[in-house]
Amino acid sequence: MGNKPTDQDDVVIIKKYANRRLYNTQSSSYITLDHLAKMTREGIDFKVVDAKTGGDITHSILTQIIMEEEANGGEQILPVNFLRQLIAMYGNSMQSLLPHYLEASMDHFRENQLKLRKAFEESLGNNPLAAIAQRNMEMFKAAAAAFMPGIDGSAPQPAREAPAEDKPADDLAALKAQMAEMQRMLDKLAK
């Protein structure tokens, strides 16, 4: 969600009813907090409103999602010391500045994470070991295709029927042709 301005047409309206059910007005279906967590991870902007009063309760729903994520027994993101410091900020004179600071910090963290991922992917592409591994895989595929026709997804070539007396000579010729083809492929890949 961050500091990006959003077009009101892009915001999905979720209504929360007195029976605690959440209704997605865009998909015309009832959803759960897990659905809202998934929408958040996918970057879908939504607003949760109380169906009776029309009041915006997005903040409390997002807080509830965080609390459920923290309590689900998986990895906890929020360290105890951070939570204590956060609680201590309520009522503090700096309380009004903290939301903007936390939001900017999270945006900065996300930008750095994307830059790091991009740098890692680019370095992997320029990595000589990755290039060697790619070449070895291509050579392995070529060798496998030569020894087992049809393994590369192409249909195996049907064998010609030859007279019985010519079969050993034809088999030897076919084997020589396969070996020559395999050598040609290996030479081509080694270049």
C-alpha atoms as a PDB file:
ATOM      1  CA  MET A   1       0.000   0.000   0.000  1.00  0.00           C
ATOM      2  CA  GLY A   2       2.812   2.489   0.902  1.00  0.00           C
ATOM      3  CA  ASN A   3       2.825   6.123  -0.175  1.00  0.00           C
ATOM      4  CA  LYS A   4       1.564   5.470  -3.690  1.00  0.00           C
ATOM      5  CA  PRO A   5      -1.545   7.427  -4.601  1.00  0.00           C
ATOM      6  CA  THR A   6      -4.286   5.037  -5.588  1.00  0.00           C
ATOM      7  CA  ASP A   7      -7.179   5.531  -7.907  1.00  0.00           C
ATOM      8  CA  GLN A   8     -10.394   4.962  -5.977  1.00  0.00           C
ATOM      9  CA  ASP A   9     -11.623   2.738  -8.833  1.00  0.00           C
ATOM     10  CA  ASP A  10      -8.739   0.323  -8.179  1.00  0.00           C
ATOM     11  CA  VAL A  11      -9.594  -0.087  -4.494  1.00  0.00           C
ATOM     12  CA  VAL A  12     -11.613  -3.207  -3.698  1.00  0.00           C
ATOM     13  CA  ILE A  13     -14.303  -2.529  -1.112  1.00  0.00           C
ATOM     14  CA  ILE A  14     -14.731  -5.193   1.555  1.00  0.00           C
ATOM     15  CA  LYS A  15     -17.753  -4.970   3.821  1.00  0.00           C
ATOM     16  CA  LYS A  16     -17.612  -6.369   7.328  1.00  0.00           C
ATOM     17  CA  TYR A  17     -20.971  -7.411   8.719  1.00  0.00           C
ATOM     18  CA  ALA A  18     -22.035  -7.679  12.361  1.00  0.00           C
ATOM     19  CA  ASN A  19     -21.706 -11.466  12.150  1.00  0.00           C
ATOM     20  CA  ARG A  20     -17.958 -10.863  11.495  1.00  0.00           C
ATOM     21  CA  ARG A  21     -18.236 -12.022   7.890  1.00  0.00           C
ATOM     22  CA  LEU A  22     -16.268 -10.182   5.220  1.00  0.00           C
ATOM     23  CA  TYR A  23     -17.873  -9.577   1.825  1.00  0.00           C
ATOM     24  CA  ASN A  24     -15.823  -8.721  -1.268  1.00  0.00           C
ATOM     25  CA  THR A  25     -18.009  -6.370  -3.318  1.00  0.00           C
ATOM     26  CA  GLN A  26     -15.848  -6.840  -6.419  1.00  0.00           C
ATOM     27  CA  SER A  27     -16.149 -10.638  -6.574  1.00  0.00           C
ATOM     28  CA  SER A  28     -19.559 -10.731  -4.831  1.00  0.00           C
ATOM     29  CA  SER A  29     -18.368 -13.404  -2.422  1.00  0.00           C
ATOM     30  CA  TYR A  30     -17.665 -13.902   1.241  1.00  0.00           C
ATOM     31  CA  ILE A  31     -13.978 -14.076   2.103  1.00  0.00           C
ATOM     32  CA  THR A  32     -11.738 -14.666   5.116  1.00  0.00           C
ATOM     33  CA  LEU A  33      -8.806 -12.836   6.667  1.00  0.00           C
ATOM     34  CA  ASP A  34      -6.559 -15.300   4.793  1.00  0.00           C
ATOM     35  CA  HIS A  35      -8.002 -14.006   1.528  1.00  0.00           C
ATOM     36  CA  LEU A  36      -7.237 -10.427   2.601  1.00  0.00           C
ATOM     37  CA  ALA A  37      -3.677 -11.425   3.547  1.00  0.00           C
ATOM     38  CA  LYS A  38      -3.241 -12.998   0.091  1.00  0.00           C
ATOM     39  CA  MET A  39      -4.648  -9.882  -1.596  1.00  0.00           C
ATOM     40  CA  THR A  40      -2.162  -7.767   0.383  1.00  0.00           C
ATOM     41  CA  ARG A  41       0.770  -9.970  -0.686  1.00  0.00           C
ATOM     42  CA  GLU A  42      -0.397  -9.652  -4.306  1.00  0.00           C
ATOM     43  CA  GLY A  43      -0.490  -5.857  -4.013  1.00  0.00           C
ATOM     44  CA  ILE A  44      -4.267  -5.567  -4.395  1.00  0.00           C
ATOM     45  CA  ASP A  45      -5.456  -2.422  -2.636  1.00  0.00           C
ATOM     46  CA  PHE A  46      -8.585  -2.808  -0.564  1.00  0.00           C
ATOM     47  CA  LYS A  47     -10.614  -0.886   1.966  1.00  0.00           C
ATOM     48  CA  VAL A  48     -12.644  -2.580   4.686  1.00  0.00           C
ATOM     49  CA  VAL A  49     -15.779  -0.762   5.786  1.00  0.00           C
ATOM     50  CA  ASP A  50     -18.260  -1.537   8.529  1.00  0.00           C
ATOM     51  CA  ALA A  51     -21.421  -2.579   6.674  1.00  0.00           C
ATOM     52  CA  LYS A  52     -23.706  -0.883   9.218  1.00  0.00           C
ATOM     53  CA  THR A  53     -21.925   2.445   9.805  1.00  0.00           C
ATOM     54  CA  GLY A  54     -19.848   2.727   6.634  1.00  0.00           C
ATOM     55  CA  GLY A  55     -16.793   3.550   8.767  1.00  0.00           C
ATOM     56  CA  ASP A  56     -13.322   2.646   7.500  1.00  0.00           C
ATOM     57  CA  ILE A  57     -11.981  -0.249   9.610  1.00  0.00           C
ATOM     58  CA  THR A  58      -9.084  -1.234   7.333  1.00  0.00           C
ATOM     59  CA  HIS A  59      -6.488  -0.445  10.001  1.00  0.00           C
ATOM     60  CA  SER A  60      -8.030  -2.757  12.591  1.00  0.00           C
ATOM     61  CA  ILE A  61      -8.469  -5.570  10.037  1.00  0.00           C
ATOM     62  CA  LEU A  62      -4.830  -5.286   8.903  1.00  0.00           C
ATOM     63  CA  THR A  63      -3.732  -5.300  12.545  1.00  0.00           C
ATOM     64  CA  GLN A  64      -5.840  -8.408  13.102  1.00  0.00           C
ATOM     65  CA  ILE A  65      -4.184 -10.113  10.112  1.00  0.00           C
ATOM     66  CA  ILE A  66      -0.736  -9.294  11.526  1.00  0.00           C
ATOM     67  CA  MET A  67      -1.709 -10.675  14.938  1.00  0.00           C
ATOM     68  CA  GLU A  68      -2.984 -13.911  13.363  1.00  0.00           C
ATOM     69  CA  GLU A  69       0.191 -14.253  11.270  1.00  0.00           C
ATOM     70  CA  GLU A  70       2.330 -13.741  14.381  1.00  0.00           C
ATOM     71  CA  ALA A  71       0.277 -16.251  16.396  1.00  0.00           C
ATOM     72  CA  ASN A  72       0.060 -18.991  13.759  1.00  0.00           C
ATOM     73  CA  GLY A  73       3.198 -20.676  15.031  1.00  0.00           C
ATOM     74  CA  GLY A  74       5.350 -19.873  12.031  1.00  0.00           C
ATOM     75  CA  GLU A  75       8.223 -17.407  11.898  1.00  0.00           C
ATOM     76  CA  GLN A  76       7.469 -14.258  13.809  1.00  0.00           C
ATOM     77  CA  ILE A  77       8.535 -11.052  12.098  1.00  0.00           C
ATOM     78  CA  LEU A  78       8.026  -8.650  14.975  1.00  0.00           C
ATOM     79  CA  PRO A  79      10.682  -9.107  17.699  1.00  0.00           C
ATOM     80  CA  VAL A  80       9.578  -8.736  21.325  1.00  0.00           C
ATOM     81  CA  ASN A  81      11.902  -5.767  21.905  1.00  0.00           C
ATOM     82  CA  PHE A  82      10.417  -3.968  18.885  1.00  0.00           C
ATOM     83  CA  LEU A  83       6.884  -4.603  20.180  1.00  0.00           C
ATOM     84  CA  ARG A  84       7.833  -3.198  23.592  1.00  0.00           C
ATOM     85  CA  GLN A  85       9.326  -0.085  22.016  1.00  0.00           C
ATOM     86  CA  LEU A  86       6.277   0.308  19.803  1.00  0.00           C
ATOM     87  CA  ILE A  87       3.907   0.075  22.777  1.00  0.00           C
ATOM     88  CA  ALA A  88       6.045   2.601  24.662  1.00  0.00           C
ATOM     89  CA  MET A  89       5.584   5.067  21.786  1.00  0.00           C
ATOM     90  CA  TYR A  90       1.819   5.308  22.391  1.00  0.00           C
ATOM     91  CA  GLY A  91       1.171   8.551  24.230  1.00  0.00           C
ATOM     92  CA  ASN A  92       4.731   9.728  23.542  1.00  0.00           C
ATOM     93  CA  SER A  93       5.242  13.133  21.925  1.00  0.00           C
ATOM     94  CA  MET A  94       6.871  11.359  18.944  1.00  0.00           C
ATOM     95  CA  GLN A  95       3.813   9.152  18.356  1.00  0.00           C
ATOM     96  CA  SER A  96       2.553  11.243  15.430  1.00  0.00           C
ATOM     97  CA  LEU A  97       5.897  10.953  13.593  1.00  0.00           C
ATOM     98  CA  LEU A  98       6.284   7.203  14.013  1.00  0.00           C
ATOM     99  CA  PRO A  99       3.738   6.046  11.381  1.00  0.00           C
ATOM    100  CA  HIS A 100       5.445   8.102   8.665  1.00  0.00           C
ATOM    101  CA  TYR A 101       8.884   6.908   9.777  1.00  0.00           C
ATOM    102  CA  LEU A 102       7.816   3.242   9.791  1.00  0.00           C
ATOM    103  CA  GLU A 103       6.134   3.567   6.411  1.00  0.00           C
ATOM    104  CA  ALA A 104       9.211   5.224   4.853  1.00  0.00           C
ATOM    105  CA  SER A 105      11.478   2.610   6.447  1.00  0.00           C
ATOM    106  CA  MET A 106       9.386  -0.246   5.029  1.00  0.00           C
ATOM    107  CA  ASP A 107       9.341   1.352   1.557  1.00  0.00           C
ATOM    108  CA  HIS A 108      13.125   1.757   1.717  1.00  0.00           C
ATOM    109  CA  PHE A 109      13.545  -1.865   2.862  1.00  0.00           C
ATOM    110  CA  ARG A 110      11.353  -3.116  -0.013  1.00  0.00           C
ATOM    111  CA  GLU A 111      13.313  -1.050  -2.587  1.00  0.00           C
ATOM    112  CA  ASN A 112      16.615  -2.422  -1.278  1.00  0.00           C
ATOM    113  CA  GLN A 113      15.235  -5.957  -1.365  1.00  0.00           C
ATOM    114  CA  LEU A 114      14.234  -5.557  -5.033  1.00  0.00           C
ATOM    115  CA  LYS A 115      17.646  -4.066  -5.909  1.00  0.00           C
ATOM    116  CA  LEU A 116      19.429  -6.932  -4.152  1.00  0.00           C
ATOM    117  CA  ARG A 117      17.317  -9.544  -5.948  1.00  0.00           C
ATOM    118  CA  LYS A 118      17.954  -7.867  -9.316  1.00  0.00           C
ATOM    119  CA  ALA A 119      21.704  -7.641  -8.652  1.00  0.00           C
ATOM    120  CA  PHE A 120      21.805 -11.311  -7.669  1.00  0.00           C
ATOM    121  CA  GLU A 121      19.933 -12.373 -10.812  1.00  0.00           C
ATOM    122  CA  GLU A 122      22.204 -10.260 -13.023  1.00  0.00           C
ATOM    123  CA  SER A 123      25.358 -11.608 -11.375  1.00  0.00           C
ATOM    124  CA  LEU A 124      24.101 -15.158 -11.848  1.00  0.00           C
ATOM    125  CA  GLY A 125      23.620 -14.430 -15.549  1.00  0.00           C
ATOM    126  CA  ASN A 126      27.227 -13.181 -15.833  1.00  0.00           C
ATOM    127  CA  ASN A 127      28.594 -15.965 -13.639  1.00  0.00           C
ATOM    128  CA  PRO A 128      31.108 -18.119 -15.543  1.00  0.00           C
ATOM    129  CA  LEU A 129      30.154 -21.147 -13.439  1.00  0.00           C
ATOM    130  CA  ALA A 130      26.512 -20.741 -14.430  1.00  0.00           C
ATOM    131  CA  ALA A 131      27.553 -20.562 -18.101  1.00  0.00           C
ATOM    132  CA  ILE A 132      29.621 -23.747 -17.725  1.00  0.00           C
ATOM    133  CA  ALA A 133      26.728 -25.502 -16.012  1.00  0.00           C
ATOM    134  CA  GLN A 134      24.417 -24.411 -18.839  1.00  0.00           C
ATOM    135  CA  ARG A 135      26.861 -25.711 -21.470  1.00  0.00           C
ATOM    136  CA  ASN A 136      27.275 -29.019 -19.610  1.00  0.00           C
ATOM    137  CA  MET A 137      23.507 -29.447 -19.487  1.00  0.00           C
ATOM    138  CA  GLU A 138      23.235 -28.824 -23.231  1.00  0.00           C
ATOM    139  CA  MET A 139      25.972 -31.411 -23.909  1.00  0.00           C
ATOM    140  CA  PHE A 140      24.238 -33.911 -21.628  1.00  0.00           C
ATOM    141  CA  LYS A 141      20.944 -33.383 -23.462  1.00  0.00           C
ATOM    142  CA  ALA A 142      22.653 -33.847 -26.830  1.00  0.00           C
ATOM    143  CA  ALA A 143      24.346 -37.058 -25.676  1.00  0.00           C
ATOM    144  CA  ALA A 144      21.090 -38.385 -24.225  1.00  0.00           C
ATOM    145  CA  ALA A 145      19.267 -37.590 -27.472  1.00  0.00           C
ATOM    146  CA  ALA A 146      21.931 -39.417 -29.490  1.00  0.00           C
ATOM    147  CA  PHE A 147      21.879 -42.548 -27.341  1.00  0.00           C
ATOM    148  CA  MET A 148      18.129 -42.614 -26.771  1.00  0.00           C
ATOM    149  CA  PRO A 149      16.293 -41.191 -29.789  1.00  0.00           C
ATOM    150  CA  GLY A 150      13.024 -39.549 -28.856  1.00  0.00           C
ATOM    151  CA  ILE A 151      14.117 -38.468 -25.346  1.00  0.00           C
ATOM    152  CA  ASP A 152      14.310 -34.844 -26.440  1.00  0.00           C
ATOM    153  CA  GLY A 153      10.589 -34.836 -27.228  1.00  0.00           C
ATOM    154  CA  SER A 154      10.901 -35.679 -30.916  1.00  0.00           C
ATOM    155  CA  ALA A 155       9.453 -38.887 -32.193  1.00  0.00           C
ATOM    156  CA  PRO A 156      11.980 -41.635 -32.741  1.00  0.00           C
ATOM    157  CA  GLN A 157      12.714 -42.312 -36.401  1.00  0.00           C
ATOM    158  CA  PRO A 158      11.104 -45.546 -37.530  1.00  0.00           C
ATOM    159  CA  ALA A 159      13.643 -48.112 -38.598  1.00  0.00           C
ATOM    160  CA  ARG A 160      13.586 -49.141 -42.213  1.00  0.00           C
ATOM    161  CA  GLU A 161      12.830 -52.750 -42.812  1.00  0.00           C
ATOM    162  CA  ALA A 162      15.650 -54.359 -44.688  1.00  0.00           C
ATOM    163  CA  PRO A 163      15.981 -57.868 -45.978  1.00  0.00           C
ATOM    164  CA  ALA A 164      17.152 -60.297 -43.293  1.00  0.00           C
ATOM    165  CA  GLU A 165      20.589 -60.787 -44.850  1.00  0.00           C
ATOM    166  CA  ASP A 166      21.317 -57.002 -44.817  1.00  0.00           C
ATOM    167  CA  LYS A 167      20.261 -56.359 -41.168  1.00  0.00           C
ATOM    168  CA  PRO A 168      23.716 -56.586 -39.499  1.00  0.00           C
ATOM    169  CA  ALA A 169      25.238 -54.224 -42.080  1.00  0.00           C
ATOM    170  CA  ASP A 170      22.318 -51.794 -41.703  1.00  0.00           C
ATOM    171  CA  ASP A 171      22.574 -51.886 -37.890  1.00  0.00           C
ATOM    172  CA  LEU A 172      26.294 -51.110 -38.086  1.00  0.00           C
ATOM    173  CA  ALA A 173      25.683 -48.273 -40.543  1.00  0.00           C
ATOM    174  CA  ALA A 174      22.933 -46.846 -38.337  1.00  0.00           C
ATOM    175  CA  LEU A 175      25.195 -47.023 -35.283  1.00  0.00           C
ATOM    176  CA  LYS A 176      28.008 -45.274 -37.153  1.00  0.00           C
ATOM    177  CA  ALA A 177      25.580 -42.565 -38.304  1.00  0.00           C
ATOM    178  CA  GLN A 178      24.351 -42.049 -34.728  1.00  0.00           C
ATOM    179  CA  MET A 179      27.924 -41.806 -33.427  1.00  0.00           C
ATOM    180  CA  ALA A 180      28.865 -39.312 -36.146  1.00  0.00           C
ATOM    181  CA  GLU A 181      25.765 -37.225 -35.354  1.00  0.00           C
ATOM    182  CA  MET A 182      26.569 -37.292 -31.636  1.00  0.00           C
ATOM    183  CA  GLN A 183      30.161 -36.210 -32.315  1.00  0.00           C
ATOM    184  CA  ARG A 184      28.921 -33.380 -34.520  1.00  0.00           C
ATOM    185  CA  MET A 185      26.555 -32.199 -31.763  1.00  0.00           C
ATOM    186  CA  LEU A 186      29.285 -32.360 -29.120  1.00  0.00           C
ATOM    187  CA  ASP A 187      31.699 -30.428 -31.338  1.00  0.00           C
ATOM    188  CA  LYS A 188      29.014 -27.824 -31.982  1.00  0.00           C
ATOM    189  CA  LEU A 189      28.265 -27.425 -28.255  1.00  0.00           C
ATOM    190  CA  ALA A 190      31.940 -27.254 -27.280  1.00  0.00           C
ATOM    191  CA  LYS A 191      32.469 -24.191 -29.492  1.00  0.00           C
END
